[in-house]
Amino acid sequence: MASKNKKFKFIDLFAGIGGIRLAFERVGGNCVFSSEWDKFSQTTYQANFKDLPAGDITQIEASEVPAHDILVGGFPCQPFSQAGLKQGFQDTRGTLFFDVVRIIKKRLPSMLLLENVKGFVGHDKGNTMRVVVASLEKLGYNIFYKILNAKDFGLPQNRQRIFIVGINKNKLGNCSFTFPSPTFEPTRVGNILEKSVDIKYTLSDRLWQGHQRRLAEHRAKGNGFGYSIFCKESSYTSTISARYYKDGSEILISQEKNNPRKLTPREAARLQGFPDNFIIPVSDGQAYKQFGNSVAVPVVEAIANRMTQVLLNPKKRQPLRQCVQATLFDI
């Protein structure tokens, strides 16, 4: 999958199954180090990239990480998710960001890309985000951030994520960064569905009745929880998450004369923009977790393309305008 024309070196932290790596390899990157602690994700990563990631980042010395041009990572989002406890840096997983800082401080890459859930922006009234930005600025980086949606980049999924780009002022100058503009390509759920699907993905009568009962109970209480159902002609689905393996309620596909069904693992992969030659060597349950935790590859690739222009072509670098960046709640 890697590009034959290697233009720069990057490292892949909190690598998951390699969605960010795939995007950066497509624009000419050479991955020289990866880290992922989950053994099942490591299995999928190794099957596709022939590279076994190092384990727990907290146990890796910064000096063990090779020199690189770009650091990328989707650091754990659970502490900042609307579905989590919202404890942020009080949660030990939240402090893993400081392991990223530890590596940046040692290697000072020219650029960096961090990804997280949309809810990260407003956590603790924006204080968590301010800590992240201040920590990176202290290391000599100009920081830029924006929320982008997968459905605006050709994928039939409503998936909003915040992307944080850092530019090392000492290496690349006091330059600016412009995020890619949405392509607004027409999207259709039918485009990612398989033509023939095993009956095992169809909901049993018991599970389908349970979904409908819980939806009715939630509506009676006046809240919006419940299953979401889509058809081939739907423009896009809701966000697929790591919990999809439990009951599939967030994305169900309607079927004529039958109960709705879950997505297949291959469809979940396509929903995130993974190619059909991406190997899925794990169980369905693990596959759902992995793709739910991963990234929308085309979105990251669009960002990676912009980043490489800044990194590799000095003529593409624009001086940082002396203006105030958008507030955390305007992005």
Protein backbone atom coordinates (compact mmCIF):
# COMPACT_ATOMS: atom_id res chain seq x y z
CA MET A 1 0.00 0.00 0.00
CA ALA A 2 2.92 2.33 0.56
CA SER A 3 3.97 4.81 -2.08
CA LYS A 4 7.15 3.91 -3.97
CA ASN A 5 8.28 7.53 -3.95
CA LYS A 6 9.21 8.23 -0.33
CA LYS A 7 9.30 11.97 0.28
CA PHE A 8 9.35 12.26 4.07
CA LYS A 9 9.42 10.28 7.31
CA PHE A 10 6.58 10.10 9.81
CA ILE A 11 5.66 8.22 12.97
CA ASP A 12 2.24 6.77 13.76
CA LEU A 13 1.23 7.01 17.43
CA PHE A 14 -1.95 5.44 18.88
CA ALA A 15 -1.93 3.81 15.47
CA GLY A 16 -5.02 1.63 15.77
CA ILE A 17 -5.28 -0.28 12.50
CA GLY A 18 -3.37 2.30 10.49
CA GLY A 19 -5.99 4.59 8.98
CA ILE A 20 -3.80 7.67 9.39
CA ARG A 21 -0.76 5.75 8.17
CA LEU A 22 -2.62 4.70 5.04
CA ALA A 23 -3.44 8.33 4.26
CA PHE A 24 0.12 9.57 4.79
CA GLU A 25 1.63 6.75 2.77
CA ARG A 26 -0.63 7.69 -0.11
CA VAL A 27 0.98 11.13 -0.27
CA GLY A 28 4.52 9.78 -0.18
CA GLY A 29 5.29 9.22 3.48
CA ASN A 30 7.60 6.56 4.92
CA CYS A 31 6.45 5.35 8.34
CA VAL A 32 9.56 4.79 10.50
CA PHE A 33 7.83 4.00 13.81
CA SER A 34 4.38 3.03 15.08
CA SER A 35 2.87 2.44 18.51
CA GLU A 36 -0.37 0.65 19.43
CA TRP A 37 -1.06 -1.26 22.61
CA ASP A 38 -4.19 -3.26 21.65
CA LYS A 39 -3.15 -6.75 20.51
CA PHE A 40 -6.06 -7.20 18.11
CA SER A 41 -5.37 -3.86 16.43
CA GLN A 42 -1.71 -4.86 16.23
CA THR A 43 -2.80 -8.00 14.37
CA THR A 44 -4.73 -6.02 11.77
CA TYR A 45 -1.96 -3.43 11.46
CA GLN A 46 0.71 -6.07 10.90
CA ALA A 47 -1.44 -7.95 8.36
CA ASN A 48 -1.73 -4.82 6.23
CA PHE A 49 1.59 -3.04 6.70
CA LYS A 50 3.92 -5.97 7.50
CA ASP A 51 4.97 -3.99 10.55
CA LEU A 52 4.22 -4.87 14.18
CA PRO A 53 3.69 -1.66 16.20
CA ALA A 54 5.54 -1.09 19.43
CA GLY A 55 3.30 -1.45 22.48
CA ASP A 56 2.36 0.84 25.37
CA ILE A 57 3.61 4.34 24.60
CA THR A 58 4.12 5.08 28.30
CA GLN A 59 6.84 2.41 28.34
CA ILE A 60 8.68 3.74 25.28
CA GLU A 61 11.62 6.07 25.81
CA ALA A 62 11.55 9.12 23.55
CA SER A 63 15.12 8.32 22.54
CA GLU A 64 13.89 5.02 21.07
CA VAL A 65 11.68 6.86 18.58
CA PRO A 66 13.52 7.55 15.28
CA ALA A 67 13.92 11.06 13.93
CA HIS A 68 10.99 12.03 11.70
CA ASP A 69 9.48 14.92 9.76
CA ILE A 70 5.84 14.51 10.81
CA LEU A 71 4.28 13.08 13.96
CA VAL A 72 0.71 11.82 13.60
CA GLY A 73 -1.66 10.34 16.13
CA GLY A 74 -5.27 10.01 17.11
CA PHE A 75 -4.67 10.11 20.84
CA PRO A 76 -7.36 8.38 22.96
CA CYS A 77 -10.63 10.21 22.79
CA GLN A 78 -12.56 8.47 25.57
CA PRO A 79 -11.86 11.13 28.21
CA PHE A 80 -13.22 13.82 25.88
CA SER A 81 -16.15 12.02 24.26
CA GLN A 82 -19.77 12.97 24.84
CA ALA A 83 -20.34 9.27 25.53
CA GLY A 84 -17.55 9.07 28.12
CA LEU A 85 -17.17 10.38 31.63
CA LYS A 86 -15.81 13.70 30.36
CA GLN A 87 -12.99 13.70 32.90
CA GLY A 88 -10.35 14.87 30.44
CA PHE A 89 -6.89 15.15 31.94
CA GLN A 90 -8.19 13.81 35.26
CA ASP A 91 -8.60 10.49 33.42
CA THR A 92 -5.29 8.63 33.08
CA ARG A 93 -6.01 8.02 29.39
CA GLY A 94 -6.19 11.78 28.93
CA THR A 95 -2.65 12.15 30.21
CA LEU A 96 -1.40 10.05 27.30
CA PHE A 97 -1.30 13.36 25.45
CA PHE A 98 1.70 14.23 27.57
CA ASP A 99 3.51 11.18 26.20
CA VAL A 100 3.00 12.75 22.78
CA VAL A 101 4.52 15.97 24.16
CA ARG A 102 7.44 13.98 25.57
CA ILE A 103 8.27 12.60 22.11
CA ILE A 104 7.76 15.94 20.37
CA LYS A 105 10.09 17.62 22.85
CA LYS A 106 12.80 15.06 22.12
CA ARG A 107 12.52 14.92 18.32
CA LEU A 108 10.94 18.29 17.41
CA PRO A 109 9.41 17.14 14.10
CA SER A 110 8.74 19.76 11.42
CA MET A 111 4.99 19.15 11.60
CA LEU A 112 2.40 17.21 13.57
CA LEU A 113 -1.20 16.10 13.16
CA LEU A 114 -3.43 15.11 16.06
CA GLU A 115 -7.03 13.89 15.78
CA ASN A 116 -9.83 13.63 18.30
CA VAL A 117 -13.59 13.63 18.71
CA LYS A 118 -15.58 16.82 18.18
CA GLY A 119 -16.46 16.92 21.89
CA PHE A 120 -12.79 17.44 22.71
CA VAL A 121 -13.16 21.11 21.73
CA GLY A 122 -15.66 22.09 24.38
CA HIS A 123 -14.54 19.82 27.20
CA ASP A 124 -14.24 21.66 30.52
CA LYS A 125 -15.44 24.85 28.81
CA GLY A 126 -12.50 24.72 26.40
CA ASN A 127 -9.82 24.44 29.08
CA THR A 128 -8.66 20.99 27.95
CA MET A 129 -8.14 22.24 24.41
CA ARG A 130 -6.32 25.30 25.72
CA VAL A 131 -3.92 23.05 27.65
CA VAL A 132 -3.18 21.06 24.48
CA VAL A 133 -2.62 24.17 22.36
CA ALA A 134 -0.49 25.88 25.02
CA SER A 135 1.63 22.75 25.51
CA LEU A 136 2.41 22.57 21.79
CA GLU A 137 2.98 26.30 21.39
CA LYS A 138 5.48 26.16 24.25
CA LEU A 139 7.51 23.70 22.18
CA GLY A 140 7.72 26.18 19.31
CA TYR A 141 4.76 25.25 17.13
CA ASN A 142 2.14 27.36 15.40
CA ILE A 143 -1.12 25.51 16.01
CA PHE A 144 -4.14 25.32 13.72
CA TYR A 145 -7.32 23.33 14.29
CA LYS A 146 -10.58 22.64 12.53
CA ILE A 147 -13.55 20.30 12.71
CA LEU A 148 -14.10 18.40 9.47
CA ASN A 149 -16.95 16.04 8.53
CA ALA A 150 -16.46 12.81 6.58
CA LYS A 151 -19.70 13.34 4.64
CA ASP A 152 -18.21 16.51 3.15
CA PHE A 153 -15.29 14.53 1.69
CA GLY A 154 -17.09 11.83 -0.26
CA LEU A 155 -17.93 9.32 2.48
CA PRO A 156 -21.58 8.51 3.31
CA GLN A 157 -21.08 9.01 7.06
CA ASN A 158 -21.84 11.96 9.33
CA ARG A 159 -18.58 11.91 11.28
CA GLN A 160 -17.19 15.11 12.76
CA ARG A 161 -13.66 15.12 14.14
CA ILE A 162 -11.26 17.83 15.20
CA PHE A 163 -7.84 17.91 13.55
CA ILE A 164 -4.92 19.79 15.08
CA VAL A 165 -1.95 20.70 12.88
CA GLY A 166 1.33 22.01 14.27
CA ILE A 167 4.13 23.70 12.32
CA ASN A 168 7.60 23.94 13.83
CA LYS A 169 8.53 27.63 13.56
CA ASN A 170 12.25 26.98 13.96
CA LYS A 171 12.32 24.52 11.05
CA LEU A 172 9.70 25.80 8.62
CA GLY A 173 9.40 29.43 9.62
CA ASN A 174 6.52 31.39 11.04
CA CYS A 175 4.07 30.12 8.43
CA SER A 176 0.36 29.46 8.29
CA PHE A 177 -1.73 26.40 7.45
CA THR A 178 -4.98 26.17 5.52
CA PHE A 179 -7.14 23.10 5.94
CA PRO A 180 -8.53 21.46 2.79
CA SER A 181 -11.91 22.63 1.55
CA PRO A 182 -14.75 20.08 1.53
CA THR A 183 -15.32 18.44 -1.83
CA PHE A 184 -19.07 18.00 -1.22
CA GLU A 185 -19.13 15.00 -3.53
CA PRO A 186 -22.60 13.41 -3.65
CA THR A 187 -22.75 10.49 -1.24
CA ARG A 188 -25.04 7.47 -1.15
CA VAL A 189 -25.13 4.66 1.41
CA GLY A 190 -25.80 2.12 -1.34
CA ASN A 191 -22.34 2.75 -2.73
CA ILE A 192 -20.66 1.07 0.24
CA LEU A 193 -23.08 -1.86 0.64
CA GLU A 194 -22.17 -5.38 -0.40
CA LYS A 195 -24.38 -7.07 -2.99
CA SER A 196 -24.64 -10.35 -1.12
CA VAL A 197 -24.80 -10.37 2.68
CA ASP A 198 -24.88 -13.36 5.02
CA ILE A 199 -28.14 -13.81 6.92
CA LYS A 200 -26.20 -13.68 10.19
CA TYR A 201 -26.09 -9.87 9.92
CA THR A 202 -29.91 -9.64 9.93
CA LEU A 203 -31.34 -8.80 13.34
CA SER A 204 -33.19 -11.58 15.10
CA ASP A 205 -36.85 -10.98 15.89
CA ARG A 206 -35.95 -10.66 19.56
CA LEU A 207 -33.23 -8.05 19.02
CA TRP A 208 -35.32 -6.07 16.52
CA GLN A 209 -38.29 -6.03 18.90
CA GLY A 210 -35.96 -4.90 21.69
CA HIS A 211 -34.71 -2.00 19.56
CA GLN A 212 -38.26 -0.89 18.82
CA ARG A 213 -39.34 -1.20 22.45
CA ARG A 214 -36.40 0.88 23.69
CA LEU A 215 -37.04 3.52 21.04
CA ALA A 216 -40.66 3.83 22.17
CA GLU A 217 -39.56 4.09 25.81
CA HIS A 218 -37.07 6.85 25.00
CA ARG A 219 -39.62 8.79 22.99
CA ALA A 220 -42.07 8.56 25.87
CA LYS A 221 -39.42 10.18 28.08
CA GLY A 222 -38.82 12.89 25.50
CA ASN A 223 -35.23 12.01 24.58
CA GLY A 224 -33.74 11.13 21.22
CA PHE A 225 -32.02 7.84 21.96
CA GLY A 226 -32.73 4.76 19.88
CA TYR A 227 -31.74 2.97 16.72
CA SER A 228 -31.09 4.68 13.40
CA ILE A 229 -32.13 3.01 10.16
CA PHE A 230 -30.93 3.79 6.65
CA CYS A 231 -31.56 2.56 3.12
CA LYS A 232 -29.52 2.40 -0.08
CA GLU A 233 -30.71 5.82 -1.15
CA SER A 234 -29.82 7.54 2.14
CA SER A 235 -27.16 10.21 1.62
CA TYR A 236 -25.19 9.17 4.69
CA THR A 237 -25.33 7.24 7.97
CA SER A 238 -24.77 8.35 11.52
CA THR A 239 -21.30 7.99 13.06
CA ILE A 240 -20.00 4.47 13.46
CA SER A 241 -18.40 3.98 16.88
CA ALA A 242 -16.40 1.33 18.68
CA ARG A 243 -19.59 0.09 20.36
CA TYR A 244 -21.14 -0.93 17.05
CA TYR A 245 -20.35 -4.56 17.78
CA LYS A 246 -22.86 -4.61 20.64
CA ASP A 247 -26.14 -4.36 18.74
CA GLY A 248 -25.57 -2.24 15.63
CA SER A 249 -28.31 0.16 16.66
CA GLU A 250 -26.52 3.33 15.49
CA ILE A 251 -26.51 2.16 11.85
CA LEU A 252 -29.08 -0.35 10.65
CA ILE A 253 -29.78 -1.10 6.99
CA SER A 254 -33.38 -1.66 5.93
CA GLN A 255 -34.29 -4.82 4.05
CA GLU A 256 -37.42 -5.63 2.07
CA LYS A 257 -39.62 -8.28 3.72
CA ASN A 258 -37.14 -8.83 6.50
CA ASN A 259 -35.80 -7.27 9.69
CA PRO A 260 -33.03 -4.64 9.29
CA ARG A 261 -29.43 -5.76 9.35
CA LYS A 262 -26.11 -4.57 10.66
CA LEU A 263 -23.30 -3.45 8.42
CA THR A 264 -20.79 -6.15 7.55
CA PRO A 265 -17.17 -5.55 8.60
CA ARG A 266 -16.27 -4.82 4.96
CA GLU A 267 -19.05 -2.22 4.78
CA ALA A 268 -17.79 -0.68 8.02
CA ALA A 269 -14.34 -0.47 6.42
CA ARG A 270 -15.75 1.19 3.32
CA LEU A 271 -17.70 3.64 5.46
CA GLN A 272 -14.34 4.86 6.79
CA GLY A 273 -12.77 4.96 3.34
CA PHE A 274 -10.57 1.86 3.61
CA PRO A 275 -9.90 0.09 0.29
CA ASP A 276 -11.36 -3.34 -0.38
CA ASN A 277 -7.89 -4.90 -0.34
CA PHE A 278 -7.50 -3.92 3.31
CA ILE A 279 -7.16 -7.21 5.19
CA ILE A 280 -9.57 -7.91 8.07
CA PRO A 281 -7.93 -10.79 9.99
CA VAL A 282 -9.95 -10.52 13.21
CA SER A 283 -13.44 -11.46 14.38
CA ASP A 284 -16.46 -9.38 13.39
CA GLY A 285 -16.68 -7.94 16.91
CA GLN A 286 -13.06 -6.81 16.90
CA ALA A 287 -13.41 -5.47 13.34
CA TYR A 288 -16.36 -3.28 14.34
CA LYS A 289 -14.37 -1.91 17.29
CA GLN A 290 -11.36 -1.21 15.09
CA PHE A 291 -13.16 0.58 12.29
CA GLY A 292 -15.32 2.49 14.79
CA ASN A 293 -12.15 3.72 16.49
CA SER A 294 -10.39 4.55 13.25
CA VAL A 295 -10.44 7.62 11.00
CA ALA A 296 -12.12 8.67 7.78
CA VAL A 297 -9.16 8.01 5.50
CA PRO A 298 -10.06 10.48 2.68
CA VAL A 299 -10.32 13.34 5.19
CA VAL A 300 -6.88 12.59 6.62
CA GLU A 301 -5.44 12.17 3.14
CA ALA A 302 -6.70 15.63 2.14
CA ILE A 303 -5.04 17.10 5.24
CA ALA A 304 -1.86 15.09 4.64
CA ASN A 305 -1.67 16.45 1.09
CA ARG A 306 -1.82 20.03 2.40
CA MET A 307 0.76 19.28 5.07
CA THR A 308 3.25 17.82 2.60
CA GLN A 309 2.92 20.91 0.41
CA VAL A 310 4.02 23.03 3.36
CA LEU A 311 6.74 20.59 4.41
CA LEU A 312 8.32 19.97 1.03
CA ASN A 313 7.73 23.16 -0.94
CA PRO A 314 8.94 26.42 0.66
CA LYS A 315 7.14 28.37 -2.08
CA LYS A 316 3.83 26.98 -0.79
CA ARG A 317 4.40 28.38 2.69
CA GLN A 318 2.31 31.40 3.54
CA PRO A 319 3.43 33.85 6.26
CA LEU A 320 1.34 33.67 9.39
CA ARG A 321 -1.15 36.50 9.28
CA GLN A 322 -1.22 38.67 12.35
CA CYS A 323 -4.78 37.92 13.26
CA VAL A 324 -6.58 36.08 16.01
CA GLN A 325 -7.40 32.47 15.16
CA ALA A 326 -11.05 31.45 15.42
CA THR A 327 -12.20 30.84 18.97
CA LEU A 328 -12.56 27.27 20.12
CA PHE A 329 -16.32 27.47 19.70
CA ASP A 330 -16.33 29.06 16.22
CA ILE A 331 -14.48 26.27 14.43
